[in-house]
PDB file of N, CA and C in Angstrom:
ATOM      1  N   MET A   1      -2.997   6.306 -15.762  1.00  0.00           N
ATOM      2  CA  MET A   1      -1.740   6.808 -15.253  1.00  0.00           C
ATOM      3  C   MET A   1      -1.935   7.360 -13.859  1.00  0.00           C
ATOM      4  N   ALA A   2      -0.871   7.393 -13.065  1.00  0.00           N
ATOM      5  CA  ALA A   2      -0.943   7.904 -11.703  1.00  0.00           C
ATOM      6  C   ALA A   2      -1.248   9.400 -11.721  1.00  0.00           C
ATOM      7  N   LYS A   3      -1.837   9.895 -10.649  1.00  0.00           N
ATOM      8  CA  LYS A   3      -2.167  11.304 -10.543  1.00  0.00           C
ATOM      9  C   LYS A   3      -0.905  12.149 -10.606  1.00  0.00           C
ATOM     10  N   SER A   4      -1.065  13.383 -11.067  1.00  0.00           N
ATOM     11  CA  SER A   4       0.086  14.274 -11.064  1.00  0.00           C
ATOM     12  C   SER A   4       0.446  14.609  -9.632  1.00  0.00           C
ATOM     13  N   LYS A   5       1.695  14.960  -9.425  1.00  0.00           N
ATOM     14  CA  LYS A   5       2.198  15.199  -8.076  1.00  0.00           C
ATOM     15  C   LYS A   5       1.417  16.300  -7.358  1.00  0.00           C
ATOM     16  N   SER A   6       0.933  17.292  -8.108  1.00  0.00           N
ATOM     17  CA  SER A   6       0.224  18.400  -7.477  1.00  0.00           C
ATOM     18  C   SER A   6      -1.129  17.979  -6.906  1.00  0.00           C
ATOM     19  N   THR A   7      -1.730  16.902  -7.414  1.00  0.00           N
ATOM     20  CA  THR A   7      -3.034  16.473  -6.922  1.00  0.00           C
ATOM     21  C   THR A   7      -2.935  15.281  -5.969  1.00  0.00           C
ATOM     22  N   GLN A   8      -1.724  14.804  -5.696  1.00  0.00           N
ATOM     23  CA  GLN A   8      -1.561  13.649  -4.819  1.00  0.00           C
ATOM     24  C   GLN A   8      -1.602  14.074  -3.350  1.00  0.00           C
ATOM     25  N   LYS A   9      -2.326  13.278  -2.560  1.00  0.00           N
ATOM     26  CA  LYS A   9      -2.303  13.464  -1.113  1.00  0.00           C
ATOM     27  C   LYS A   9      -0.984  12.917  -0.590  1.00  0.00           C
ATOM     28  N   PRO A  10      -0.507  13.454   0.519  1.00  0.00           N
ATOM     29  CA  PRO A  10       0.671  12.838   1.136  1.00  0.00           C
ATOM     30  C   PRO A  10       0.357  11.382   1.503  1.00  0.00           C
ATOM     31  N   VAL A  11       1.320  10.510   1.321  1.00  0.00           N
ATOM     32  CA  VAL A  11       1.120   9.078   1.567  1.00  0.00           C
ATOM     33  C   VAL A  11       0.608   8.837   2.985  1.00  0.00           C
ATOM     34  N   GLU A  12       1.111   9.593   3.946  1.00  0.00           N
ATOM     35  CA  GLU A  12       0.746   9.400   5.353  1.00  0.00           C
ATOM     36  C   GLU A  12      -0.733   9.688   5.625  1.00  0.00           C
ATOM     37  N   GLU A  13      -1.404  10.392   4.716  1.00  0.00           N
ATOM     38  CA  GLU A  13      -2.813  10.738   4.906  1.00  0.00           C
ATOM     39  C   GLU A  13      -3.763   9.766   4.205  1.00  0.00           C
ATOM     40  N   LEU A  14      -3.231   8.819   3.452  1.00  0.00           N
ATOM     41  CA  LEU A  14      -4.066   7.905   2.688  1.00  0.00           C
ATOM     42  C   LEU A  14      -4.600   6.765   3.549  1.00  0.00           C
ATOM     43  N   SER A  15      -5.839   6.388   3.272  1.00  0.00           N
ATOM     44  CA  SER A  15      -6.388   5.183   3.891  1.00  0.00           C
ATOM     45  C   SER A  15      -5.768   3.981   3.193  1.00  0.00           C
ATOM     46  N   TYR A  16      -5.994   2.794   3.740  1.00  0.00           N
ATOM     47  CA  TYR A  16      -5.468   1.582   3.114  1.00  0.00           C
ATOM     48  C   TYR A  16      -6.006   1.446   1.696  1.00  0.00           C
ATOM     49  N   GLU A  17      -7.303   1.643   1.534  1.00  0.00           N
ATOM     50  CA  GLU A  17      -7.931   1.476   0.232  1.00  0.00           C
ATOM     51  C   GLU A  17      -7.396   2.474  -0.785  1.00  0.00           C
ATOM     52  N   GLU A  18      -7.197   3.726  -0.352  1.00  0.00           N
ATOM     53  CA  GLU A  18      -6.650   4.745  -1.245  1.00  0.00           C
ATOM     54  C   GLU A  18      -5.215   4.411  -1.649  1.00  0.00           C
ATOM     55  N   ALA A  19      -4.410   4.004  -0.673  1.00  0.00           N
ATOM     56  CA  ALA A  19      -3.011   3.676  -0.954  1.00  0.00           C
ATOM     57  C   ALA A  19      -2.909   2.474  -1.883  1.00  0.00           C
ATOM     58  N   LEU A  20      -3.722   1.462  -1.652  1.00  0.00           N
ATOM     59  CA  LEU A  20      -3.690   0.268  -2.499  1.00  0.00           C
ATOM     60  C   LEU A  20      -4.124   0.592  -3.930  1.00  0.00           C
ATOM     61  N   ALA A  21      -5.183   1.385  -4.079  1.00  0.00           N
ATOM     62  CA  ALA A  21      -5.660   1.753  -5.422  1.00  0.00           C
ATOM     63  C   ALA A  21      -4.592   2.554  -6.165  1.00  0.00           C
ATOM     64  N   GLU A  22      -3.961   3.496  -5.472  1.00  0.00           N
ATOM     65  CA  GLU A  22      -2.916   4.286  -6.122  1.00  0.00           C
ATOM     66  C   GLU A  22      -1.697   3.420  -6.442  1.00  0.00           C
ATOM     67  N   LEU A  23      -1.377   2.484  -5.566  1.00  0.00           N
ATOM     68  CA  LEU A  23      -0.264   1.574  -5.827  1.00  0.00           C
ATOM     69  C   LEU A  23      -0.537   0.750  -7.084  1.00  0.00           C
ATOM     70  N   GLU A  24      -1.755   0.256  -7.226  1.00  0.00           N
ATOM     71  CA  GLU A  24      -2.125  -0.506  -8.425  1.00  0.00           C
ATOM     72  C   GLU A  24      -1.990   0.348  -9.684  1.00  0.00           C
ATOM     73  N   GLN A  25      -2.420   1.608  -9.614  1.00  0.00           N
ATOM     74  CA  GLN A  25      -2.290   2.516 -10.755  1.00  0.00           C
ATOM     75  C   GLN A  25      -0.818   2.789 -11.073  1.00  0.00           C
ATOM     76  N   THR A  26      -0.014   2.913 -10.042  1.00  0.00           N
ATOM     77  CA  THR A  26       1.406   3.181 -10.226  1.00  0.00           C
ATOM     78  C   THR A  26       2.089   2.002 -10.898  1.00  0.00           C
ATOM     79  N   VAL A  27       1.760   0.798 -10.467  1.00  0.00           N
ATOM     80  CA  VAL A  27       2.332  -0.400 -11.084  1.00  0.00           C
ATOM     81  C   VAL A  27       1.926  -0.474 -12.556  1.00  0.00           C
ATOM     82  N   GLU A  28       0.657  -0.208 -12.844  1.00  0.00           N
ATOM     83  CA  GLU A  28       0.195  -0.211 -14.231  1.00  0.00           C
ATOM     84  C   GLU A  28       0.950   0.820 -15.070  1.00  0.00           C
ATOM     85  N   ALA A  29       1.172   2.004 -14.504  1.00  0.00           N
ATOM     86  CA  ALA A  29       1.896   3.054 -15.226  1.00  0.00           C
ATOM     87  C   ALA A  29       3.335   2.638 -15.492  1.00  0.00           C
ATOM     88  N   LEU A  30       3.961   1.995 -14.524  1.00  0.00           N
ATOM     89  CA  LEU A  30       5.346   1.553 -14.707  1.00  0.00           C
ATOM     90  C   LEU A  30       5.437   0.409 -15.712  1.00  0.00           C
ATOM     91  N   GLU A  31       4.463  -0.465 -15.713  1.00  0.00           N
ATOM     92  CA  GLU A  31       4.490  -1.615 -16.613  1.00  0.00           C
ATOM     93  C   GLU A  31       4.059  -1.265 -18.036  1.00  0.00           C
ATOM     94  N   GLY A  32       3.118  -0.348 -18.173  1.00  0.00           N
ATOM     95  CA  GLY A  32       2.498  -0.147 -19.467  1.00  0.00           C
ATOM     96  C   GLY A  32       2.978   1.030 -20.275  1.00  0.00           C
ATOM     97  N   GLU A  33       3.570   1.998 -19.654  1.00  0.00           N
ATOM     98  CA  GLU A  33       3.927   3.214 -20.366  1.00  0.00           C
ATOM     99  C   GLU A  33       5.436   3.343 -20.508  1.00  0.00           C
ATOM    100  N   GLN A  34       5.847   4.014 -21.559  1.00  0.00           N
ATOM    101  CA  GLN A  34       7.253   4.352 -21.726  1.00  0.00           C
ATOM    102  C   GLN A  34       7.470   5.729 -21.118  1.00  0.00           C
ATOM    103  N   ASN A  35       7.900   5.752 -19.869  1.00  0.00           N
ATOM    104  CA  ASN A  35       8.141   7.004 -19.170  1.00  0.00           C
ATOM    105  C   ASN A  35       9.617   7.349 -19.241  1.00  0.00           C
ATOM    106  N   PRO A  36       9.934   8.637 -19.201  1.00  0.00           N
ATOM    107  CA  PRO A  36      11.343   9.010 -19.067  1.00  0.00           C
ATOM    108  C   PRO A  36      11.886   8.440 -17.748  1.00  0.00           C
ATOM    109  N   LEU A  37      13.176   8.240 -17.681  1.00  0.00           N
ATOM    110  CA  LEU A  37      13.794   7.627 -16.510  1.00  0.00           C
ATOM    111  C   LEU A  37      13.447   8.368 -15.229  1.00  0.00           C
ATOM    112  N   ASP A  38      13.528   9.701 -15.236  1.00  0.00           N
ATOM    113  CA  ASP A  38      13.244  10.446 -14.008  1.00  0.00           C
ATOM    114  C   ASP A  38      11.799  10.274 -13.562  1.00  0.00           C
ATOM    115  N   GLU A  39      10.864  10.203 -14.516  1.00  0.00           N
ATOM    116  CA  GLU A  39       9.458   9.966 -14.173  1.00  0.00           C
ATOM    117  C   GLU A  39       9.267   8.553 -13.630  1.00  0.00           C
ATOM    118  N   SER A  40       9.927   7.581 -14.230  1.00  0.00           N
ATOM    119  CA  SER A  40       9.851   6.200 -13.741  1.00  0.00           C
ATOM    120  C   SER A  40      10.392   6.102 -12.319  1.00  0.00           C
ATOM    121  N   MET A  41      11.459   6.809 -12.036  1.00  0.00           N
ATOM    122  CA  MET A  41      12.030   6.791 -10.686  1.00  0.00           C
ATOM    123  C   MET A  41      11.073   7.422  -9.676  1.00  0.00           C
ATOM    124  N   LYS A  42      10.416   8.501 -10.062  1.00  0.00           N
ATOM    125  CA  LYS A  42       9.433   9.134  -9.167  1.00  0.00           C
ATOM    126  C   LYS A  42       8.261   8.190  -8.898  1.00  0.00           C
ATOM    127  N   LEU A  43       7.796   7.524  -9.958  1.00  0.00           N
ATOM    128  CA  LEU A  43       6.709   6.559  -9.792  1.00  0.00           C
ATOM    129  C   LEU A  43       7.137   5.412  -8.879  1.00  0.00           C
ATOM    130  N   TYR A  44       8.357   4.929  -9.081  1.00  0.00           N
ATOM    131  CA  TYR A  44       8.869   3.827  -8.263  1.00  0.00           C
ATOM    132  C   TYR A  44       8.974   4.247  -6.796  1.00  0.00           C
ATOM    133  N   GLU A  45       9.506   5.428  -6.546  1.00  0.00           N
ATOM    134  CA  GLU A  45       9.633   5.921  -5.163  1.00  0.00           C
ATOM    135  C   GLU A  45       8.264   6.065  -4.507  1.00  0.00           C
ATOM    136  N   ARG A  46       7.311   6.612  -5.234  1.00  0.00           N
ATOM    137  CA  ARG A  46       5.952   6.758  -4.699  1.00  0.00           C
ATOM    138  C   ARG A  46       5.357   5.373  -4.437  1.00  0.00           C
ATOM    139  N   GLY A  47       5.591   4.442  -5.344  1.00  0.00           N
ATOM    140  CA  GLY A  47       5.094   3.078  -5.163  1.00  0.00           C
ATOM    141  C   GLY A  47       5.665   2.421  -3.922  1.00  0.00           C
ATOM    142  N   GLN A  48       6.947   2.628  -3.674  1.00  0.00           N
ATOM    143  CA  GLN A  48       7.565   2.069  -2.466  1.00  0.00           C
ATOM    144  C   GLN A  48       6.936   2.679  -1.214  1.00  0.00           C
ATOM    145  N   ALA A  49       6.688   3.978  -1.241  1.00  0.00           N
ATOM    146  CA  ALA A  49       6.058   4.639  -0.095  1.00  0.00           C
ATOM    147  C   ALA A  49       4.633   4.130   0.106  1.00  0.00           C
ATOM    148  N   LEU A  50       3.920   3.916  -0.983  1.00  0.00           N
ATOM    149  CA  LEU A  50       2.545   3.400  -0.894  1.00  0.00           C
ATOM    150  C   LEU A  50       2.524   1.976  -0.349  1.00  0.00           C
ATOM    151  N   ALA A  51       3.458   1.141  -0.800  1.00  0.00           N
ATOM    152  CA  ALA A  51       3.542  -0.235  -0.303  1.00  0.00           C
ATOM    153  C   ALA A  51       3.849  -0.242   1.192  1.00  0.00           C
ATOM    154  N   ALA A  52       4.745   0.637   1.621  1.00  0.00           N
ATOM    155  CA  ALA A  52       5.075   0.729   3.046  1.00  0.00           C
ATOM    156  C   ALA A  52       3.858   1.185   3.850  1.00  0.00           C
ATOM    157  N   ARG A  53       3.100   2.143   3.316  1.00  0.00           N
ATOM    158  CA  ARG A  53       1.890   2.632   3.990  1.00  0.00           C
ATOM    159  C   ARG A  53       0.872   1.505   4.155  1.00  0.00           C
ATOM    160  N   CYS A  54       0.670   0.725   3.092  1.00  0.00           N
ATOM    161  CA  CYS A  54      -0.264  -0.405   3.168  1.00  0.00           C
ATOM    162  C   CYS A  54       0.184  -1.398   4.234  1.00  0.00           C
ATOM    163  N   SER A  55       1.465  -1.678   4.282  1.00  0.00           N
ATOM    164  CA  SER A  55       2.008  -2.617   5.262  1.00  0.00           C
ATOM    165  C   SER A  55       1.793  -2.115   6.683  1.00  0.00           C
ATOM    166  N   ILE A  56       2.059  -0.845   6.911  1.00  0.00           N
ATOM    167  CA  ILE A  56       1.866  -0.253   8.240  1.00  0.00           C
ATOM    168  C   ILE A  56       0.404  -0.345   8.669  1.00  0.00           C
ATOM    169  N   LEU A  57      -0.500  -0.003   7.755  1.00  0.00           N
ATOM    170  CA  LEU A  57      -1.928  -0.037   8.088  1.00  0.00           C
ATOM    171  C   LEU A  57      -2.416  -1.457   8.335  1.00  0.00           C
ATOM    172  N   LEU A  58      -1.919  -2.420   7.574  1.00  0.00           N
ATOM    173  CA  LEU A  58      -2.302  -3.822   7.801  1.00  0.00           C
ATOM    174  C   LEU A  58      -1.786  -4.331   9.146  1.00  0.00           C
ATOM    175  N   GLU A  59      -0.558  -3.980   9.485  1.00  0.00           N
ATOM    176  CA  GLU A  59      -0.007  -4.394  10.780  1.00  0.00           C
ATOM    177  C   GLU A  59      -0.802  -3.786  11.928  1.00  0.00           C
ATOM    178  N   ALA A  60      -1.196  -2.522  11.783  1.00  0.00           N
ATOM    179  CA  ALA A  60      -1.990  -1.866  12.824  1.00  0.00           C
ATOM    180  C   ALA A  60      -3.351  -2.554  12.973  1.00  0.00           C
ATOM    181  N   ALA A  61      -3.964  -2.914  11.854  1.00  0.00           N
ATOM    182  CA  ALA A  61      -5.256  -3.611  11.910  1.00  0.00           C
ATOM    183  C   ALA A  61      -5.104  -4.979  12.565  1.00  0.00           C
ATOM    184  N   GLN A  62      -4.012  -5.679  12.240  1.00  0.00           N
ATOM    185  CA  GLN A  62      -3.780  -6.990  12.833  1.00  0.00           C
ATOM    186  C   GLN A  62      -3.597  -6.885  14.342  1.00  0.00           C
ATOM    187  N   LEU A  63      -2.845  -5.892  14.793  1.00  0.00           N
ATOM    188  CA  LEU A  63      -2.663  -5.701  16.237  1.00  0.00           C
ATOM    189  C   LEU A  63      -3.987  -5.388  16.923  1.00  0.00           C
ATOM    190  N   LYS A  64      -4.808  -4.575  16.278  1.00  0.00           N
ATOM    191  CA  LYS A  64      -6.102  -4.225  16.864  1.00  0.00           C
ATOM    192  C   LYS A  64      -6.991  -5.459  16.988  1.00  0.00           C
ATOM    193  N   VAL A  65      -7.015  -6.298  15.951  1.00  0.00           N
ATOM    194  CA  VAL A  65      -7.811  -7.531  15.990  1.00  0.00           C
ATOM    195  C   VAL A  65      -7.296  -8.446  17.096  1.00  0.00           C
ATOM    196  N   GLN A  66      -5.980  -8.572  17.222  1.00  0.00           N
ATOM    197  CA  GLN A  66      -5.412  -9.420  18.273  1.00  0.00           C
ATOM    198  C   GLN A  66      -5.780  -8.908  19.654  1.00  0.00           C
ATOM    199  N   LYS A  67      -5.776  -7.592  19.846  1.00  0.00           N
ATOM    200  CA  LYS A  67      -6.163  -7.026  21.141  1.00  0.00           C
ATOM    201  C   LYS A  67      -7.633  -7.301  21.432  1.00  0.00           C
ATOM    202  N   LEU A  68      -8.477  -7.152  20.410  1.00  0.00           N
ATOM    203  CA  LEU A  68      -9.908  -7.363  20.605  1.00  0.00           C
ATOM    204  C   LEU A  68     -10.255  -8.826  20.835  1.00  0.00           C
ATOM    205  N   ALA A  69      -9.563  -9.724  20.139  1.00  0.00           N
ATOM    206  CA  ALA A  69      -9.887 -11.143  20.207  1.00  0.00           C
ATOM    207  C   ALA A  69      -9.089 -11.888  21.273  1.00  0.00           C
ATOM    208  N   GLY A  70      -8.031 -11.285  21.753  1.00  0.00           N
ATOM    209  CA  GLY A  70      -7.199 -11.958  22.740  1.00  0.00           C
ATOM    210  C   GLY A  70      -6.436 -13.104  22.126  1.00  0.00           C
ATOM    211  N   GLU A  71      -6.291 -14.175  22.857  1.00  0.00           N
ATOM    212  CA  GLU A  71      -5.506 -15.327  22.407  1.00  0.00           C
ATOM    213  C   GLU A  71      -6.251 -16.229  21.440  1.00  0.00           C
ATOM    214  N   SER A  72      -7.508 -15.943  21.150  1.00  0.00           N
ATOM    215  CA  SER A  72      -8.281 -16.828  20.291  1.00  0.00           C
ATOM    216  C   SER A  72      -7.990 -16.653  18.797  1.00  0.00           C
ATOM    217  N   VAL A  73      -7.173 -15.659  18.441  1.00  0.00           N
ATOM    218  CA  VAL A  73      -6.850 -15.421  17.033  1.00  0.00           C
ATOM    219  C   VAL A  73      -5.711 -16.334  16.609  1.00  0.00           C
ATOM    220  N   LEU A  74      -5.918 -17.059  15.500  1.00  0.00           N
ATOM    221  CA  LEU A  74      -4.885 -17.931  14.947  1.00  0.00           C
ATOM    222  C   LEU A  74      -4.287 -17.290  13.707  1.00  0.00           C
ATOM    223  N   ASP A  75      -2.995 -17.503  13.486  1.00  0.00           N
ATOM    224  CA  ASP A  75      -2.373 -17.056  12.248  1.00  0.00           C
ATOM    225  C   ASP A  75      -2.955 -17.843  11.102  1.00  0.00           C
ATOM    226  N   PHE A  76      -2.951 -17.263   9.906  1.00  0.00           N
ATOM    227  CA  PHE A  76      -3.501 -17.934   8.732  1.00  0.00           C
ATOM    228  C   PHE A  76      -2.749 -19.219   8.427  1.00  0.00           C
ATOM    229  N   ASP A  77      -1.444 -19.310   8.714  1.00  0.00           N
ATOM    230  CA  ASP A  77      -0.690 -20.483   8.371  1.00  0.00           C
ATOM    231  C   ASP A  77      -0.817 -21.603   9.404  1.00  0.00           C
ATOM    232  N   GLU A  78      -1.425 -21.337  10.541  1.00  0.00           N
ATOM    233  CA  GLU A  78      -1.643 -22.398  11.517  1.00  0.00           C
ATOM    234  C   GLU A  78      -2.816 -23.263  11.070  1.00  0.00           C
ATOM    235  N   GLU A  79      -2.635 -24.547  11.171  1.00  0.00           N
ATOM    236  CA  GLU A  79      -3.704 -25.464  10.773  1.00  0.00           C
ATOM    237  C   GLU A  79      -4.675 -25.646  11.944  1.00  0.00           C
ATOM    238  N   THR A  80      -5.967 -25.687  11.614  1.00  0.00           N
ATOM    239  CA  THR A  80      -6.972 -25.961  12.639  1.00  0.00           C
ATOM    240  C   THR A  80      -7.513 -27.358  12.411  1.00  0.00           C
ATOM    241  N   GLU A  81      -7.880 -27.982  13.479  1.00  0.00           N
ATOM    242  CA  GLU A  81      -8.393 -29.359  13.380  1.00  0.00           C
ATOM    243  C   GLU A  81      -9.874 -29.394  13.621  1.00  0.00           C
TER     244      GLU A  81
END
C-alpha cells in the first residue's frame, strides 16, 4: 500500500525513481484494495501528481541530452538507415 500522507515527501521533491516507484505502489493500491471512496480519490490525485512529476523530469532530461548532443540526437520513432 502507498505510504501514509504523514510520511510522504512532497511530489516536487521526489527524484524520477522515487516518483515512479511510488506511482507503481499507488496503482497497485488502487487496483488491488477495496478503499473507501475518499481514500481512493486521494490515491488517484497523488498518482496524477506523481505521473506529472515523472513527465516533467523526463522532459528535462530529454532537453539536457539534446543540448549536450546537439543535432545528432534522433527521436526514437525516426528510422535510421
